[in-house]
Amino acid sequence: MDLIFWSWPALTLALIVSVLILSLVRRSPFRGGGSAKNGNGTCHTTNENNTVKVLPSPARMPIIGHLYLFQGNPIIELTKLSKKYGDIYKLYLGSVETVVVNSLPLIKEVLMQKGSDFGDRPNFLRYSILFGDNKDNSLAFCDWSSVQKTRRSLARRFCHTGLFADRVETALQTTTDILMAHIRSDIGLGESCPNLKLNLQKACGNIFFDFFCSKVVTEWEEDAEFDRVVKLFDDIFWEINQSHATDVLPFLAPVFKQHLSALANMGTEIRQYVINRIIVPHAAQLDKDNPIDFVDILLTHLEEAEPKNRLTQDQVLYELEDFLGGHCAVSNLLCRAIVEIADSPGMSDKIYVKHFEQGNKEYIQAVIYETLRRTSSPIVPHVASCNSSIGGYPINKGTMIMINNYDLNSSHDLWERPDEFIPERFLLDGGNGRFKKPAHFFPFSYGKRACMGYQLVEKVTEGLILAMVKNFDITPLDNPTQLPIASVALHPNEQLRVKLTPRQ
C-alpha cells in the first residue's frame, strides 16, 4: 500500500544541480532510453522472424533521464504516458533504468507468473538509512532471500493461524473504548474534533502494540514516549510515500545531508523505544513453551532455531519494528475512509442501518475496499533479480519495475462511475448481495511479495469504522479535507475536517 514517486517540487534542486552538470558535459542533449540499444538507443529484442521488437521510450536527457516529464502529479503523468506509449514502456528516472507496466495481464506476469524474476527492491538511499544502513533489514524494502522467507514464515505463523485470532478482537475492544472517550472529550461544546487524526493514529498504534506485543497504553496523554513514537512512525510513513531526489540521483546526497540525518535519527529513536519498552521486558519473562505474542515467537526463534535458518538479533528487531509500523498504513487508510464517508451524503447513516439494523456484515467490507480503490496507493517497485522479459520485451537484471495500478483502479472501462465513492460495486445482486472482489483489483498486491497483514488491516479498519459510525453521524465541515491522489499517506499535520454528531 505504499510507494515513492518523484514529483516536480521534490526535484527542483536536483534539476538545478543537473543543469549545472550538463553545462560541463559535451554530448547530445537528448537521447533514447535503453541499455541493449539499437541505432535509436531503444531497448529491443528479436522474435522468431528476426524482426526487431522495440520497447517504447520517450527521448531522455543526460543525468536526469526522463524526470523532466514529471511536472504534475507523478501518477497522473505515468498514466498519460501510457496513453501515448502503451501498456509497457521504458523510462530512466535519473540513473535508475525503469519499466512501467499498466495492463492487468502484464502486471500478473510480473507479480505472479515471473515473481521469482522480479522479487527484489530498489536500492534507494533512504531505504538503507531508515533501516540501519541496510535496506535488507526491512520486510517491505528488502531483496528476496532466504532471510526474507524465514521472516515471512515466522510472521505467517502468527498472523495467518487461528492460534492468536482472538487477540485482535480483544485489542480492538480495549482500544475502542479508550478512543470513544477521547473523541467525546475532544468534541467538547462543538461538533468538530481537532485531534481526530492523532487519536485514530494512537488507537491503531495501541491495537498493534497490544496484538503483537501484549502492550496496552491506556493513558495516551500521560505517556509522552508513546505519543512521540506514534508521531515518529507517522512522519516516516509520510516520508517513504513521498519522492526524494536522492532516490534516483544519489550523487545529491551531500546536498540533503541534514534531511537524511534526521531520518536516521527518527529510526534510531523508534528502535530504542522498541528495545527498552518491549524487547527487554519480554526477554526477562520469556516462556518458550508458552509464547503469548509475536515478540515471544521472535525471541524463541533466536534461541531455538537451527543456526543455518536463524535470524540475527538485528533482523528480529527490525521485523518487529516493521510490523508495529504497519499501524500507520491502517491509520492513514482509516482517516481516508472517514473523509470519504463524510463526503458521501448519508453514507454514515447507511453503514449504520446496513450493519447494526439489517445485520448486513458485507457492506462494511465493501466500504473498506472502495476506500482502497479510491486511494490507489501504488505498489512498492519491484526490481529484476535476473535477466528476464515482460510481454516479450527483454528486461535487464537490476531494472526497476513500476506497477501503475492507479490506471486500473480509475479506468472507465473497468468501473462504472470510477470517480465516485460507491461501495455497492463490490457487492453482488445490485449492491445487496455478498461481497466480491473483481480480479482486476489487487490492493494488497499479488504473489510472494503480497501483503501478509491484509487480514489485520481489514479487521482493524472495519472495527474502528463501525465504532465511529455506531457512536457518531459523520458529515463534512464547510472546508472539507482534500485527499491526495494515489496515496494512502496524509500529511502528518493534516486535520480531518469532519463533523461528528453523537447518535442518540
Protein backbone atom coordinates (compact mmCIF):
# COMPACT_ATOMS: atom_id res chain seq x y z
CA MET A 1 0.00 0.00 0.00
CA ASP A 2 2.96 2.36 -0.21
CA LEU A 3 5.47 3.79 -2.71
CA ILE A 4 7.87 6.60 -3.50
CA PHE A 5 7.39 8.83 -6.51
CA TRP A 6 9.39 11.67 -7.94
CA SER A 7 7.27 14.81 -8.13
CA TRP A 8 8.39 18.09 -9.66
CA PRO A 9 8.70 20.11 -6.40
CA ALA A 10 10.92 17.44 -4.85
CA LEU A 11 13.28 17.57 -7.82
CA THR A 12 13.66 21.32 -8.33
CA LEU A 13 17.04 21.45 -6.65
CA ALA A 14 18.08 18.25 -8.41
CA LEU A 15 17.29 19.78 -11.77
CA ILE A 16 19.24 22.94 -10.98
CA VAL A 17 22.29 20.90 -10.00
CA SER A 18 21.87 18.67 -13.05
CA VAL A 19 21.69 21.65 -15.39
CA LEU A 20 24.99 22.89 -13.96
CA ILE A 21 26.50 19.47 -14.59
CA LEU A 22 25.02 19.35 -18.08
CA SER A 23 26.78 22.58 -18.92
CA LEU A 24 30.05 20.74 -18.37
CA VAL A 25 29.09 17.66 -20.36
CA ARG A 26 29.75 17.78 -24.10
CA ARG A 27 27.16 15.47 -25.64
CA SER A 28 23.82 15.46 -27.43
CA PRO A 29 21.15 16.96 -25.14
CA PHE A 30 18.64 14.20 -25.78
CA ARG A 31 18.83 10.51 -26.45
CA GLY A 32 16.60 7.46 -26.42
CA GLY A 33 16.26 5.15 -23.43
CA GLY A 34 17.53 1.62 -23.05
CA SER A 35 20.56 -0.47 -22.27
CA ALA A 36 20.51 -3.08 -25.03
CA LYS A 37 20.24 -0.47 -27.76
CA ASN A 38 19.61 -0.29 -31.47
CA GLY A 39 20.51 2.74 -33.57
CA ASN A 40 17.88 4.86 -31.83
CA GLY A 41 19.05 3.90 -28.35
CA THR A 42 15.86 1.93 -27.57
CA CYS A 43 15.78 -1.46 -25.91
CA HIS A 44 14.83 -4.25 -28.31
CA THR A 45 14.60 -7.96 -28.85
CA THR A 46 14.25 -10.12 -31.92
CA ASN A 47 11.46 -12.64 -32.40
CA GLU A 48 11.46 -15.87 -34.44
CA ASN A 49 11.30 -13.90 -37.69
CA ASN A 50 14.33 -11.78 -36.71
CA THR A 51 12.22 -8.63 -36.64
CA VAL A 52 13.02 -6.04 -34.01
CA LYS A 53 10.53 -5.51 -31.18
CA VAL A 54 11.15 -2.07 -29.71
CA LEU A 55 10.30 -1.16 -26.12
CA PRO A 56 8.71 2.33 -26.38
CA SER A 57 10.53 5.13 -24.59
CA PRO A 58 10.46 8.93 -24.80
CA ALA A 59 13.60 10.91 -25.60
CA ARG A 60 15.67 11.37 -22.45
CA MET A 61 18.17 13.88 -21.14
CA PRO A 62 21.59 13.05 -19.76
CA ILE A 63 21.81 12.63 -15.97
CA ILE A 64 18.14 13.40 -15.17
CA GLY A 65 16.78 11.00 -17.79
CA HIS A 66 13.00 11.38 -18.05
CA LEU A 67 12.47 13.37 -14.85
CA TYR A 68 11.68 16.40 -16.98
CA LEU A 69 8.37 14.71 -17.86
CA PHE A 70 7.11 14.83 -14.25
CA GLN A 71 5.73 18.33 -13.97
CA GLY A 72 2.49 17.41 -12.15
CA ASN A 73 1.20 14.52 -10.08
CA PRO A 74 3.60 11.69 -10.99
CA ILE A 75 0.87 9.03 -11.08
CA ILE A 76 -1.18 11.12 -13.49
CA GLU A 77 1.93 11.73 -15.59
CA LEU A 78 2.65 7.98 -15.78
CA THR A 79 -0.94 7.33 -16.81
CA LYS A 80 -0.71 9.99 -19.52
CA LEU A 81 2.47 8.39 -20.82
CA SER A 82 0.73 5.02 -21.02
CA LYS A 83 -1.86 6.51 -23.37
CA LYS A 84 0.96 7.51 -25.69
CA TYR A 85 3.44 4.66 -25.27
CA GLY A 86 1.19 1.74 -24.39
CA ASP A 87 0.84 -0.77 -21.56
CA ILE A 88 4.60 -1.17 -21.13
CA TYR A 89 7.30 1.42 -21.74
CA LYS A 90 10.77 2.35 -20.54
CA LEU A 91 11.90 5.39 -18.57
CA TYR A 92 15.12 6.50 -16.97
CA LEU A 93 14.41 8.16 -13.62
CA GLY A 94 17.73 9.84 -13.14
CA SER A 95 20.18 6.95 -13.09
CA VAL A 96 17.52 4.29 -12.50
CA GLU A 97 16.53 2.17 -15.50
CA THR A 98 12.76 1.71 -15.17
CA VAL A 99 9.97 -0.16 -16.95
CA VAL A 100 6.39 0.93 -16.31
CA VAL A 101 3.67 -1.71 -16.55
CA ASN A 102 -0.02 -0.79 -16.80
CA SER A 103 -2.27 -3.63 -18.03
CA LEU A 104 -3.59 -6.47 -15.86
CA PRO A 105 -2.03 -9.32 -17.92
CA LEU A 106 1.43 -7.70 -17.76
CA ILE A 107 1.06 -6.92 -14.06
CA LYS A 108 0.17 -10.54 -13.35
CA GLU A 109 3.15 -11.64 -15.41
CA VAL A 110 5.44 -9.56 -13.19
CA LEU A 111 3.88 -10.37 -9.82
CA MET A 112 2.74 -13.95 -10.28
CA GLN A 113 3.98 -15.80 -13.36
CA LYS A 114 7.52 -14.44 -13.02
CA GLY A 115 7.51 -13.40 -9.38
CA SER A 116 10.87 -15.08 -8.83
CA ASP A 117 12.42 -12.95 -11.58
CA PHE A 118 11.13 -9.69 -10.11
CA GLY A 119 11.43 -10.24 -6.36
CA ASP A 120 13.98 -7.57 -5.47
CA ARG A 121 13.57 -3.92 -4.41
CA PRO A 122 15.28 -0.67 -5.47
CA ASN A 123 18.49 0.41 -3.77
CA PHE A 124 17.20 3.79 -2.64
CA LEU A 125 19.41 5.56 -0.14
CA ARG A 126 16.53 6.37 2.19
CA TYR A 127 15.57 2.69 2.46
CA SER A 128 19.01 1.91 3.83
CA ILE A 129 19.16 4.92 6.15
CA LEU A 130 15.83 4.08 7.79
CA PHE A 131 16.90 0.50 8.49
CA GLY A 132 20.35 0.74 9.97
CA ASP A 133 22.18 1.39 6.68
CA ASN A 134 20.88 -1.86 5.21
CA LYS A 135 17.62 -1.96 3.28
CA ASP A 136 17.56 -5.75 3.63
CA ASN A 137 16.68 -5.26 7.31
CA SER A 138 13.25 -4.17 6.09
CA LEU A 139 10.45 -6.60 5.26
CA ALA A 140 8.94 -4.40 2.57
CA PHE A 141 12.08 -2.90 1.00
CA CYS A 142 14.50 -5.85 1.07
CA ASP A 143 15.57 -8.05 -1.82
CA TRP A 144 14.11 -11.56 -1.86
CA SER A 145 16.29 -14.02 0.04
CA SER A 146 16.30 -17.00 2.41
CA VAL A 147 16.24 -14.49 5.28
CA GLN A 148 13.05 -12.99 3.88
CA LYS A 149 11.48 -16.45 3.64
CA THR A 150 12.28 -17.10 7.30
CA ARG A 151 10.88 -13.74 8.40
CA ARG A 152 7.66 -14.23 6.47
CA SER A 153 7.32 -17.77 7.81
CA LEU A 154 7.56 -16.52 11.41
CA ALA A 155 5.01 -13.78 10.74
CA ARG A 156 2.64 -16.13 8.91
CA ARG A 157 2.54 -18.46 11.93
CA PHE A 158 1.26 -15.57 14.00
CA CYS A 159 -0.96 -13.69 11.55
CA HIS A 160 -2.46 -16.49 9.43
CA THR A 161 -3.43 -19.09 12.01
CA GLY A 162 -6.31 -19.35 14.43
CA LEU A 163 -3.96 -19.60 17.40
CA PHE A 164 -3.98 -15.84 18.05
CA ALA A 165 -7.19 -14.93 16.20
CA ASP A 166 -8.95 -13.68 19.33
CA ARG A 167 -6.12 -11.27 20.15
CA VAL A 168 -7.18 -8.70 17.56
CA GLU A 169 -10.77 -8.74 18.83
CA THR A 170 -9.58 -8.15 22.39
CA ALA A 171 -7.21 -5.40 21.29
CA LEU A 172 -9.97 -3.72 19.28
CA GLN A 173 -12.44 -3.74 22.16
CA THR A 174 -9.94 -2.39 24.68
CA THR A 175 -8.77 0.42 22.41
CA THR A 176 -12.20 1.32 21.02
CA ASP A 177 -13.46 2.23 24.49
CA ILE A 178 -10.44 4.48 25.05
CA LEU A 179 -10.81 6.07 21.60
CA MET A 180 -14.51 6.91 22.02
CA ALA A 181 -13.81 8.54 25.38
CA HIS A 182 -11.07 10.70 23.86
CA ILE A 183 -13.26 11.75 20.92
CA ARG A 184 -16.20 12.70 23.15
CA SER A 185 -13.87 14.74 25.33
CA ASP A 186 -12.29 16.38 22.29
CA ILE A 187 -15.60 17.38 20.74
CA GLY A 188 -16.45 19.47 23.80
CA LEU A 189 -19.11 22.04 23.10
CA GLY A 190 -18.80 21.87 19.33
CA GLU A 191 -19.01 19.01 16.83
CA SER A 192 -15.58 19.26 15.25
CA CYS A 193 -12.74 17.11 16.55
CA PRO A 194 -9.35 18.84 16.11
CA ASN A 195 -7.39 15.85 17.42
CA LEU A 196 -9.31 13.19 15.49
CA LYS A 197 -6.43 12.15 13.24
CA LEU A 198 -3.99 11.90 16.13
CA ASN A 199 -6.49 9.93 18.21
CA LEU A 200 -7.09 7.50 15.35
CA GLN A 201 -3.32 7.09 14.97
CA LYS A 202 -2.93 6.35 18.67
CA ALA A 203 -5.82 3.89 18.51
CA CYS A 204 -4.24 1.97 15.64
CA GLY A 205 -0.84 2.09 17.33
CA ASN A 206 -2.33 0.79 20.56
CA ILE A 207 -4.08 -2.08 18.77
CA PHE A 208 -0.89 -3.14 17.01
CA PHE A 209 1.19 -2.87 20.20
CA ASP A 210 -1.42 -4.94 22.04
CA PHE A 211 -1.77 -7.52 19.26
CA PHE A 212 1.95 -8.06 18.59
CA CYS A 213 3.46 -7.20 21.99
CA SER A 214 0.72 -7.51 24.66
CA LYS A 215 1.37 -3.86 25.50
CA VAL A 216 -1.63 -1.62 26.13
CA VAL A 217 -1.34 2.12 26.67
CA THR A 218 -4.43 3.44 28.45
CA GLU A 219 -3.27 6.96 29.34
CA TRP A 220 -2.43 8.39 25.91
CA GLU A 221 -1.78 11.95 27.08
CA GLU A 222 0.33 10.94 30.07
CA ASP A 223 2.60 8.56 28.14
CA ALA A 224 4.88 11.02 26.35
CA GLU A 225 7.06 8.24 24.88
CA PHE A 226 4.07 6.52 23.27
CA ASP A 227 2.83 9.83 21.90
CA ARG A 228 6.29 10.55 20.49
CA VAL A 229 6.78 7.15 18.83
CA VAL A 230 3.33 7.25 17.19
CA LYS A 231 4.19 10.63 15.66
CA LEU A 232 7.62 9.39 14.55
CA PHE A 233 6.11 6.37 12.84
CA ASP A 234 3.67 8.64 11.00
CA ASP A 235 6.46 11.01 9.94
CA ILE A 236 8.40 8.07 8.49
CA PHE A 237 5.30 6.67 6.78
CA TRP A 238 4.73 10.04 5.12
CA GLU A 239 8.39 10.21 4.14
CA ILE A 240 8.51 6.83 2.40
CA ASN A 241 5.36 7.69 0.47
CA GLN A 242 6.93 10.83 -0.97
CA SER A 243 9.50 11.45 -3.64
CA HIS A 244 13.05 12.48 -2.93
CA ALA A 245 15.78 13.47 -5.32
CA THR A 246 18.34 11.11 -3.77
CA ASP A 247 16.21 8.07 -4.69
CA VAL A 248 17.12 8.44 -8.33
CA LEU A 249 20.01 10.92 -8.21
CA PRO A 250 22.08 9.55 -5.30
CA PHE A 251 25.01 11.87 -6.04
CA LEU A 252 22.88 14.64 -4.50
CA ALA A 253 23.05 13.04 -1.04
CA PRO A 254 25.52 15.65 0.34
CA VAL A 255 23.04 18.39 -0.57
CA PHE A 256 20.38 16.72 1.60
CA LYS A 257 22.67 15.63 4.44
CA GLN A 258 20.57 17.32 7.14
CA HIS A 259 17.33 15.72 5.95
CA LEU A 260 18.86 12.26 5.65
CA SER A 261 20.42 12.57 9.13
CA ALA A 262 17.02 13.46 10.55
CA LEU A 263 15.60 10.26 9.02
CA ALA A 264 18.34 8.18 10.60
CA ASN A 265 17.66 9.77 13.98
CA MET A 266 13.94 9.03 13.74
CA GLY A 267 14.64 5.37 13.06
CA THR A 268 17.12 5.18 15.92
CA GLU A 269 14.66 6.74 18.37
CA ILE A 270 11.90 4.29 17.44
CA ARG A 271 14.34 1.38 17.71
CA GLN A 272 15.40 2.44 21.21
CA TYR A 273 11.75 2.60 22.30
CA VAL A 274 11.08 -0.92 20.97
CA ILE A 275 14.14 -2.29 22.77
CA ASN A 276 13.50 -0.62 26.12
CA ARG A 277 9.72 -0.85 26.33
CA ILE A 278 9.12 -4.18 24.57
CA ILE A 279 12.13 -6.41 23.92
CA VAL A 280 13.83 -6.14 27.32
CA PRO A 281 10.68 -6.78 29.43
CA HIS A 282 9.67 -9.73 27.22
CA ALA A 283 13.12 -11.30 27.35
CA ALA A 284 13.09 -11.13 31.16
CA GLN A 285 9.91 -13.23 31.42
CA LEU A 286 10.05 -15.35 28.26
CA ASP A 287 8.36 -18.76 28.45
CA LYS A 288 9.48 -20.53 25.28
CA ASP A 289 6.95 -23.32 25.75
CA ASN A 290 4.02 -20.92 26.00
CA PRO A 291 4.54 -17.90 23.72
CA ILE A 292 1.84 -15.33 24.24
CA ASP A 293 2.54 -12.95 21.36
CA PHE A 294 4.71 -12.23 18.32
CA VAL A 295 7.57 -10.91 20.43
CA ASP A 296 7.77 -14.24 22.24
CA ILE A 297 7.79 -16.08 18.91
CA LEU A 298 10.70 -13.98 17.67
CA LEU A 299 12.70 -14.34 20.89
CA THR A 300 12.10 -18.09 20.97
CA HIS A 301 13.31 -18.30 17.38
CA LEU A 302 16.58 -16.65 18.40
CA GLU A 303 17.21 -19.35 21.00
CA GLU A 304 15.85 -22.48 19.31
CA ALA A 305 16.17 -22.13 15.52
CA GLU A 306 18.80 -24.09 13.63
CA PRO A 307 21.90 -21.91 13.09
CA LYS A 308 21.58 -22.01 9.29
CA ASN A 309 17.98 -20.69 9.49
CA ARG A 310 18.38 -18.40 12.48
CA LEU A 311 17.83 -14.67 12.16
CA THR A 312 20.19 -12.24 13.86
CA GLN A 313 19.11 -10.08 16.79
CA ASP A 314 19.04 -7.05 14.50
CA GLN A 315 16.86 -8.86 11.94
CA VAL A 316 14.39 -9.82 14.68
CA LEU A 317 14.33 -6.25 15.98
CA TYR A 318 13.69 -4.76 12.55
CA GLU A 319 10.98 -7.32 11.78
CA LEU A 320 9.12 -6.37 14.94
CA GLU A 321 9.60 -2.68 14.19
CA ASP A 322 8.26 -3.21 10.66
CA PHE A 323 5.08 -4.87 11.90
CA LEU A 324 4.48 -2.25 14.58
CA GLY A 325 4.98 0.48 11.96
CA GLY A 326 2.22 -1.16 9.93
CA HIS A 327 -0.29 0.63 12.12
CA CYS A 328 0.48 3.80 10.13
CA ALA A 329 -0.86 2.28 6.92
CA VAL A 330 -4.03 1.30 8.79
CA SER A 331 -4.48 4.66 10.49
CA ASN A 332 -3.98 6.60 7.26
CA LEU A 333 -6.39 4.29 5.42
CA LEU A 334 -8.87 4.73 8.27
CA CYS A 335 -8.55 8.53 8.05
CA ARG A 336 -9.20 8.40 4.32
CA ALA A 337 -12.26 6.21 4.91
CA ILE A 338 -13.66 8.66 7.47
CA VAL A 339 -13.26 11.54 4.99
CA GLU A 340 -14.84 9.50 2.16
CA ILE A 341 -17.78 8.62 4.42
CA ALA A 342 -18.19 12.25 5.47
CA ASP A 343 -18.09 13.50 1.88
CA SER A 344 -20.68 10.96 0.67
CA PRO A 345 -24.14 12.24 1.70
CA GLY A 346 -25.94 9.83 4.02
CA MET A 347 -23.09 7.28 3.98
CA SER A 348 -22.53 7.01 7.73
CA ASP A 349 -26.28 6.51 8.29
CA LYS A 350 -26.33 3.90 5.51
CA ILE A 351 -23.47 1.96 7.12
CA TYR A 352 -25.24 2.16 10.48
CA VAL A 353 -28.52 0.84 9.08
CA LYS A 354 -26.90 -1.87 6.95
CA HIS A 355 -24.69 -3.22 9.74
CA PHE A 356 -26.48 -2.58 13.02
CA GLU A 357 -30.14 -2.71 11.97
CA GLN A 358 -30.20 -5.04 8.97
CA GLY A 359 -27.29 -7.26 10.02
CA ASN A 360 -25.52 -6.91 6.66
CA LYS A 361 -21.90 -7.68 7.60
CA GLU A 362 -20.72 -7.46 3.97
CA TYR A 363 -21.37 -3.75 3.47
CA ILE A 364 -18.58 -2.52 5.75
CA GLN A 365 -16.08 -4.67 3.83
CA ALA A 366 -17.29 -3.06 0.61
CA VAL A 367 -16.73 0.38 2.19
CA ILE A 368 -13.13 -0.55 3.04
CA TYR A 369 -12.39 -1.89 -0.44
CA GLU A 370 -13.95 1.12 -2.11
CA THR A 371 -11.69 3.29 0.04
CA LEU A 372 -8.72 1.19 -1.09
CA ARG A 373 -9.78 1.56 -4.73
CA ARG A 374 -10.14 5.32 -4.43
CA THR A 375 -6.80 5.51 -2.63
CA SER A 376 -4.96 3.52 -5.33
CA SER A 377 -1.77 3.59 -3.32
CA PRO A 378 0.92 2.38 -5.71
CA ILE A 379 2.69 -0.92 -5.16
CA VAL A 380 6.29 -0.75 -3.92
CA PRO A 381 8.52 -1.02 -7.02
CA HIS A 382 9.97 -4.39 -7.90
CA VAL A 383 13.43 -4.97 -9.37
CA ALA A 384 14.54 -7.67 -11.79
CA SER A 385 16.76 -10.12 -9.92
CA CYS A 386 17.92 -11.69 -13.21
CA ASN A 387 17.66 -11.09 -16.95
CA SER A 388 14.04 -11.76 -17.87
CA SER A 389 11.21 -10.45 -20.03
CA ILE A 390 7.79 -8.85 -19.78
CA GLY A 391 5.34 -9.11 -22.65
CA GLY A 392 8.14 -10.42 -24.84
CA TYR A 393 10.42 -7.44 -24.16
CA PRO A 394 13.82 -8.19 -22.60
CA ILE A 395 14.33 -6.84 -19.10
CA ASN A 396 17.86 -6.45 -17.78
CA LYS A 397 18.83 -7.55 -14.30
CA GLY A 398 18.56 -4.57 -11.96
CA THR A 399 15.78 -2.83 -13.89
CA MET A 400 13.14 -1.25 -11.66
CA ILE A 401 9.54 -2.27 -12.46
CA MET A 402 6.80 0.20 -11.61
CA ILE A 403 3.21 -1.11 -11.40
CA ASN A 404 0.68 1.57 -12.38
CA ASN A 405 -2.37 0.17 -10.58
CA TYR A 406 -3.95 3.64 -10.50
CA ASP A 407 -4.72 3.26 -14.20
CA LEU A 408 -6.65 0.06 -13.47
CA ASN A 409 -8.43 1.40 -10.39
CA SER A 410 -9.70 4.52 -12.15
CA SER A 411 -10.50 3.02 -15.55
CA HIS A 412 -13.91 3.81 -17.03
CA ASP A 413 -13.67 0.52 -18.90
CA LEU A 414 -13.43 -1.49 -15.67
CA TRP A 415 -15.54 0.54 -13.25
CA GLU A 416 -18.87 2.31 -13.53
CA ARG A 417 -18.51 5.96 -12.44
CA PRO A 418 -14.97 5.38 -11.07
CA ASP A 419 -14.67 8.95 -9.75
CA GLU A 420 -17.47 8.35 -7.22
CA PHE A 421 -17.43 6.57 -3.85
CA ILE A 422 -19.77 3.60 -4.41
CA PRO A 423 -19.23 0.65 -2.03
CA GLU A 424 -22.07 -1.26 -3.73
CA ARG A 425 -19.77 -2.00 -6.69
CA PHE A 426 -18.16 -4.71 -4.51
CA LEU A 427 -21.48 -6.39 -3.70
CA LEU A 428 -23.44 -8.83 -5.85
CA ASP A 429 -27.16 -8.58 -6.67
CA GLY A 430 -27.11 -4.88 -7.42
CA GLY A 431 -25.31 -3.95 -4.25
CA ASN A 432 -27.43 -6.03 -1.87
CA GLY A 433 -25.65 -9.37 -2.03
CA ARG A 434 -22.39 -10.85 -0.86
CA PHE A 435 -19.00 -9.19 -1.14
CA LYS A 436 -16.98 -9.99 -4.26
CA LYS A 437 -13.62 -8.53 -5.26
CA PRO A 438 -13.10 -8.32 -9.04
CA ALA A 439 -9.98 -9.95 -10.46
CA HIS A 440 -8.63 -6.64 -11.76
CA PHE A 441 -8.44 -5.18 -8.24
CA PHE A 442 -5.50 -6.19 -6.02
CA PRO A 443 -4.98 -3.62 -3.23
CA PHE A 444 -2.59 -5.90 -1.34
CA SER A 445 -0.61 -6.91 -4.43
CA TYR A 446 -0.14 -10.42 -5.83
CA GLY A 447 2.39 -13.19 -5.48
CA LYS A 448 5.10 -13.93 -2.96
CA ARG A 449 5.55 -10.27 -2.01
CA ALA A 450 1.87 -9.66 -1.34
CA CYS A 451 0.96 -8.02 1.96
CA MET A 452 0.95 -10.61 4.76
CA GLY A 453 -1.08 -8.47 7.12
CA TYR A 454 -4.07 -7.77 4.90
CA GLN A 455 -6.47 -9.61 7.25
CA LEU A 456 -5.28 -7.47 10.15
CA VAL A 457 -5.69 -4.33 8.02
CA GLU A 458 -9.27 -5.29 7.18
CA LYS A 459 -10.15 -6.29 10.74
CA VAL A 460 -8.80 -3.17 12.45
CA THR A 461 -10.14 -0.74 9.85
CA GLU A 462 -13.55 -2.40 9.91
CA GLY A 463 -13.74 -2.41 13.71
CA LEU A 464 -12.80 1.25 14.12
CA ILE A 465 -15.09 2.49 11.32
CA LEU A 466 -18.01 0.62 12.85
CA ALA A 467 -17.21 2.07 16.28
CA MET A 468 -17.17 5.58 14.81
CA VAL A 469 -20.41 5.07 12.88
CA LYS A 470 -22.16 3.46 15.84
CA ASN A 471 -21.42 6.45 18.04
CA PHE A 472 -21.46 9.36 15.59
CA ASP A 473 -23.04 10.59 12.38
CA ILE A 474 -20.10 11.65 10.21
CA THR A 475 -20.58 14.59 7.82
CA PRO A 476 -18.24 17.17 6.25
CA LEU A 477 -17.44 20.61 7.58
CA ASP A 478 -17.61 23.67 5.31
CA ASN A 479 -13.94 23.27 4.38
CA PRO A 480 -13.60 19.51 3.81
CA THR A 481 -10.31 17.64 3.79
CA GLN A 482 -8.77 17.29 0.33
CA LEU A 483 -7.48 13.75 -0.09
CA PRO A 484 -4.31 13.26 -2.17
CA ILE A 485 -4.50 11.30 -5.43
CA ALA A 486 -2.99 7.82 -5.41
CA SER A 487 -1.50 7.97 -1.93
CA VAL A 488 -2.68 6.38 1.29
CA ALA A 489 -0.50 8.75 3.31
CA LEU A 490 -1.93 12.01 4.64
CA HIS A 491 0.43 14.78 5.66
CA PRO A 492 1.32 14.43 9.37
CA ASN A 493 -0.13 17.89 10.05
CA GLU A 494 -3.32 17.29 8.06
CA GLN A 495 -6.55 17.72 10.04
CA LEU A 496 -9.67 15.64 9.38
CA ARG A 497 -12.24 18.37 8.84
CA VAL A 498 -15.35 16.33 9.57
CA LYS A 499 -18.35 16.93 11.77
CA LEU A 500 -19.15 14.30 14.41
CA THR A 501 -22.70 14.35 15.75
CA PRO A 502 -23.27 11.94 18.67
CA ARG A 503 -26.06 9.45 17.97
CA GLN A 504 -28.93 9.39 20.45
